[in-house]
Amino acid sequence: QVQLVESGGGLVHPGGSLRLSCVASGFAIREYAMSWYRQAPGKEREFVATITTADGTKYDLDSVKGRFTISRDVAKNTVYLEMNTLKPDDTGVYYCKDRWGRITHDYWGQGTQVTVSS
């Protein structure tokens, strides 16, 4: 059974940092491109970053380039999102999922809340 468990969110001041983790089970992340998404209050869910099966990375939001880093540990079946120089606009619930939904389909984990506020 596919499962995604996101963690690492919290309340931080602007300029702070967080490291999000997403532990996958029921499938091997090394076989899929994996993405982080976020959903800000009152907005649609949006792509943030993707890591390919060849460990290539793509940042879908210009606003996170240079501040966020996506990575993975295939031995731990875990995807990470290192977030630095956080801004209030980064506030939202962050989710991970395989990029095209080939294995997770309509399933989403519970997400992890990130709040950036002074």
C-alpha atoms as a PDB file:
ATOM      1  CA  GLN A   1       0.000   0.000   0.000  1.00  0.00           C
ATOM      2  CA  VAL A   2       1.365   3.373  -1.036  1.00  0.00           C
ATOM      3  CA  GLN A   3       1.958   5.833   1.761  1.00  0.00           C
ATOM      4  CA  LEU A   4       3.650   9.236   1.991  1.00  0.00           C
ATOM      5  CA  VAL A   5       4.448  10.816   5.328  1.00  0.00           C
ATOM      6  CA  GLU A   6       5.639  14.412   5.296  1.00  0.00           C
ATOM      7  CA  SER A   7       7.236  16.052   8.312  1.00  0.00           C
ATOM      8  CA  GLY A   8       9.549  18.866   9.362  1.00  0.00           C
ATOM      9  CA  GLY A   9       7.255  21.834   9.021  1.00  0.00           C
ATOM     10  CA  GLY A  10       6.736  24.469  11.673  1.00  0.00           C
ATOM     11  CA  LEU A  11       6.600  28.137  12.499  1.00  0.00           C
ATOM     12  CA  VAL A  12       9.678  30.143  11.566  1.00  0.00           C
ATOM     13  CA  HIS A  13      10.592  33.790  11.294  1.00  0.00           C
ATOM     14  CA  PRO A  14      11.328  35.327   7.900  1.00  0.00           C
ATOM     15  CA  GLY A  15      14.870  34.446   6.926  1.00  0.00           C
ATOM     16  CA  GLY A  16      14.749  31.159   8.791  1.00  0.00           C
ATOM     17  CA  SER A  17      15.244  27.635   7.520  1.00  0.00           C
ATOM     18  CA  LEU A  18      13.440  24.317   7.605  1.00  0.00           C
ATOM     19  CA  ARG A  19      14.153  20.864   6.257  1.00  0.00           C
ATOM     20  CA  LEU A  20      11.133  18.868   5.179  1.00  0.00           C
ATOM     21  CA  SER A  21      11.162  15.079   4.872  1.00  0.00           C
ATOM     22  CA  CYS A  22       8.857  12.740   3.012  1.00  0.00           C
ATOM     23  CA  VAL A  23       9.088   9.046   3.800  1.00  0.00           C
ATOM     24  CA  ALA A  24       7.543   6.852   1.127  1.00  0.00           C
ATOM     25  CA  SER A  25       6.393   3.284   1.540  1.00  0.00           C
ATOM     26  CA  GLY A  26       4.784   0.811  -0.815  1.00  0.00           C
ATOM     27  CA  PHE A  27       7.020   1.845  -3.710  1.00  0.00           C
ATOM     28  CA  ALA A  28      10.660   2.709  -4.374  1.00  0.00           C
ATOM     29  CA  ILE A  29      11.291   6.398  -4.952  1.00  0.00           C
ATOM     30  CA  ARG A  30      14.362   5.575  -7.072  1.00  0.00           C
ATOM     31  CA  GLU A  31      11.979   4.422  -9.797  1.00  0.00           C
ATOM     32  CA  TYR A  32       9.989   7.680  -9.969  1.00  0.00           C
ATOM     33  CA  ALA A  33      10.517  11.379 -10.344  1.00  0.00           C
ATOM     34  CA  MET A  34       9.407  12.881  -7.052  1.00  0.00           C
ATOM     35  CA  SER A  35       8.058  16.351  -6.427  1.00  0.00           C
ATOM     36  CA  TRP A  36       7.243  18.691  -3.611  1.00  0.00           C
ATOM     37  CA  TYR A  37       4.052  20.710  -3.876  1.00  0.00           C
ATOM     38  CA  ARG A  38       2.598  23.391  -1.680  1.00  0.00           C
ATOM     39  CA  GLN A  39      -0.815  24.836  -1.093  1.00  0.00           C
ATOM     40  CA  ALA A  40      -1.054  28.329   0.312  1.00  0.00           C
ATOM     41  CA  PRO A  41      -4.231  29.433   2.091  1.00  0.00           C
ATOM     42  CA  GLY A  42      -6.977  30.097  -0.442  1.00  0.00           C
ATOM     43  CA  LYS A  43      -4.815  29.061  -3.401  1.00  0.00           C
ATOM     44  CA  GLU A  44      -4.414  26.084  -5.691  1.00  0.00           C
ATOM     45  CA  ARG A  45      -1.779  23.468  -4.995  1.00  0.00           C
ATOM     46  CA  GLU A  46       1.367  24.176  -7.010  1.00  0.00           C
ATOM     47  CA  PHE A  47       4.583  22.422  -7.925  1.00  0.00           C
ATOM     48  CA  VAL A  48       7.635  23.543  -5.998  1.00  0.00           C
ATOM     49  CA  ALA A  49      10.477  21.256  -7.046  1.00  0.00           C
ATOM     50  CA  THR A  50      11.156  17.909  -8.689  1.00  0.00           C
ATOM     51  CA  ILE A  51      13.966  15.387  -8.527  1.00  0.00           C
ATOM     52  CA  THR A  52      14.276  12.919 -11.383  1.00  0.00           C
ATOM     53  CA  THR A  53      15.313   9.285 -11.329  1.00  0.00           C
ATOM     54  CA  ALA A  54      18.746  10.448 -12.495  1.00  0.00           C
ATOM     55  CA  ASP A  55      18.937  12.934  -9.601  1.00  0.00           C
ATOM     56  CA  GLY A  56      18.354  15.898 -11.854  1.00  0.00           C
ATOM     57  CA  THR A  57      16.523  18.728 -10.148  1.00  0.00           C
ATOM     58  CA  LYS A  58      13.999  21.242 -11.383  1.00  0.00           C
ATOM     59  CA  TYR A  59      12.521  24.156  -9.487  1.00  0.00           C
ATOM     60  CA  ASP A  60       9.080  24.938 -10.783  1.00  0.00           C
ATOM     61  CA  LEU A  61       8.723  28.212  -8.933  1.00  0.00           C
ATOM     62  CA  ASP A  62      11.117  31.034  -9.767  1.00  0.00           C
ATOM     63  CA  SER A  63      10.586  32.377  -6.274  1.00  0.00           C
ATOM     64  CA  VAL A  64      12.287  29.370  -4.648  1.00  0.00           C
ATOM     65  CA  LYS A  65      15.294  29.109  -6.945  1.00  0.00           C
ATOM     66  CA  GLY A  66      18.485  29.605  -4.992  1.00  0.00           C
ATOM     67  CA  ARG A  67      16.678  29.168  -1.682  1.00  0.00           C
ATOM     68  CA  PHE A  68      15.215  25.649  -1.804  1.00  0.00           C
ATOM     69  CA  THR A  69      17.030  22.395  -2.506  1.00  0.00           C
ATOM     70  CA  ILE A  70      15.331  19.085  -3.255  1.00  0.00           C
ATOM     71  CA  SER A  71      17.231  15.869  -2.619  1.00  0.00           C
ATOM     72  CA  ARG A  72      16.589  12.226  -1.873  1.00  0.00           C
ATOM     73  CA  ASP A  73      18.050   9.237  -0.050  1.00  0.00           C
ATOM     74  CA  VAL A  74      16.980   6.110  -1.910  1.00  0.00           C
ATOM     75  CA  ALA A  75      18.280   3.861   0.865  1.00  0.00           C
ATOM     76  CA  LYS A  76      15.863   5.549   3.268  1.00  0.00           C
ATOM     77  CA  ASN A  77      13.180   5.943   0.579  1.00  0.00           C
ATOM     78  CA  THR A  78      12.957   9.566   1.635  1.00  0.00           C
ATOM     79  CA  VAL A  79      12.738  12.856  -0.256  1.00  0.00           C
ATOM     80  CA  TYR A  80      13.865  16.115   1.330  1.00  0.00           C
ATOM     81  CA  LEU A  81      13.259  19.795   0.778  1.00  0.00           C
ATOM     82  CA  GLU A  82      15.806  22.126   2.332  1.00  0.00           C
ATOM     83  CA  MET A  83      14.298  25.592   2.593  1.00  0.00           C
ATOM     84  CA  ASN A  84      16.424  28.619   3.400  1.00  0.00           C
ATOM     85  CA  THR A  85      15.787  32.342   3.610  1.00  0.00           C
ATOM     86  CA  LEU A  86      12.107  31.652   4.116  1.00  0.00           C
ATOM     87  CA  LYS A  87       9.581  34.328   3.281  1.00  0.00           C
ATOM     88  CA  PRO A  88       5.962  34.822   4.396  1.00  0.00           C
ATOM     89  CA  ASP A  89       4.869  33.849   0.851  1.00  0.00           C
ATOM     90  CA  ASP A  90       6.340  30.387   1.478  1.00  0.00           C
ATOM     91  CA  THR A  91       3.603  29.722   4.005  1.00  0.00           C
ATOM     92  CA  GLY A  92       1.440  26.738   3.172  1.00  0.00           C
ATOM     93  CA  VAL A  93       0.996  23.019   3.465  1.00  0.00           C
ATOM     94  CA  TYR A  94       3.768  21.097   1.733  1.00  0.00           C
ATOM     95  CA  TYR A  95       3.217  17.697   0.164  1.00  0.00           C
ATOM     96  CA  CYS A  96       5.355  15.248  -1.731  1.00  0.00           C
ATOM     97  CA  LYS A  97       4.212  12.903  -4.474  1.00  0.00           C
ATOM     98  CA  ASP A  98       5.573  11.160  -7.530  1.00  0.00           C
ATOM     99  CA  ARG A  99       5.635  13.798 -10.247  1.00  0.00           C
ATOM    100  CA  TRP A 100       3.094  12.274 -12.610  1.00  0.00           C
ATOM    101  CA  GLY A 101       0.980  10.352 -10.134  1.00  0.00           C
ATOM    102  CA  ARG A 102       1.845   7.073 -11.828  1.00  0.00           C
ATOM    103  CA  ILE A 103       2.104   5.203  -8.543  1.00  0.00           C
ATOM    104  CA  THR A 104       0.213   7.411  -6.089  1.00  0.00           C
ATOM    105  CA  HIS A 105      -2.681   8.291  -8.431  1.00  0.00           C
ATOM    106  CA  ASP A 106      -5.157  10.384  -6.414  1.00  0.00           C
ATOM    107  CA  TYR A 107      -3.530   9.645  -3.066  1.00  0.00           C
ATOM    108  CA  TRP A 108      -1.957  12.504  -1.105  1.00  0.00           C
ATOM    109  CA  GLY A 109      -0.231  12.357   2.243  1.00  0.00           C
ATOM    110  CA  GLN A 110      -1.299  14.559   5.119  1.00  0.00           C
ATOM    111  CA  GLY A 111       1.253  17.226   4.291  1.00  0.00           C
ATOM    112  CA  THR A 112       3.291  19.343   6.678  1.00  0.00           C
ATOM    113  CA  GLN A 113       2.415  22.918   7.598  1.00  0.00           C
ATOM    114  CA  VAL A 114       5.001  25.631   7.082  1.00  0.00           C
ATOM    115  CA  THR A 115       4.254  29.047   8.523  1.00  0.00           C
ATOM    116  CA  VAL A 116       6.644  31.947   8.003  1.00  0.00           C
ATOM    117  CA  SER A 117       5.748  34.867  10.186  1.00  0.00           C
ATOM    118  CA  SER A 118       7.326  37.435  12.438  1.00  0.00           C
END
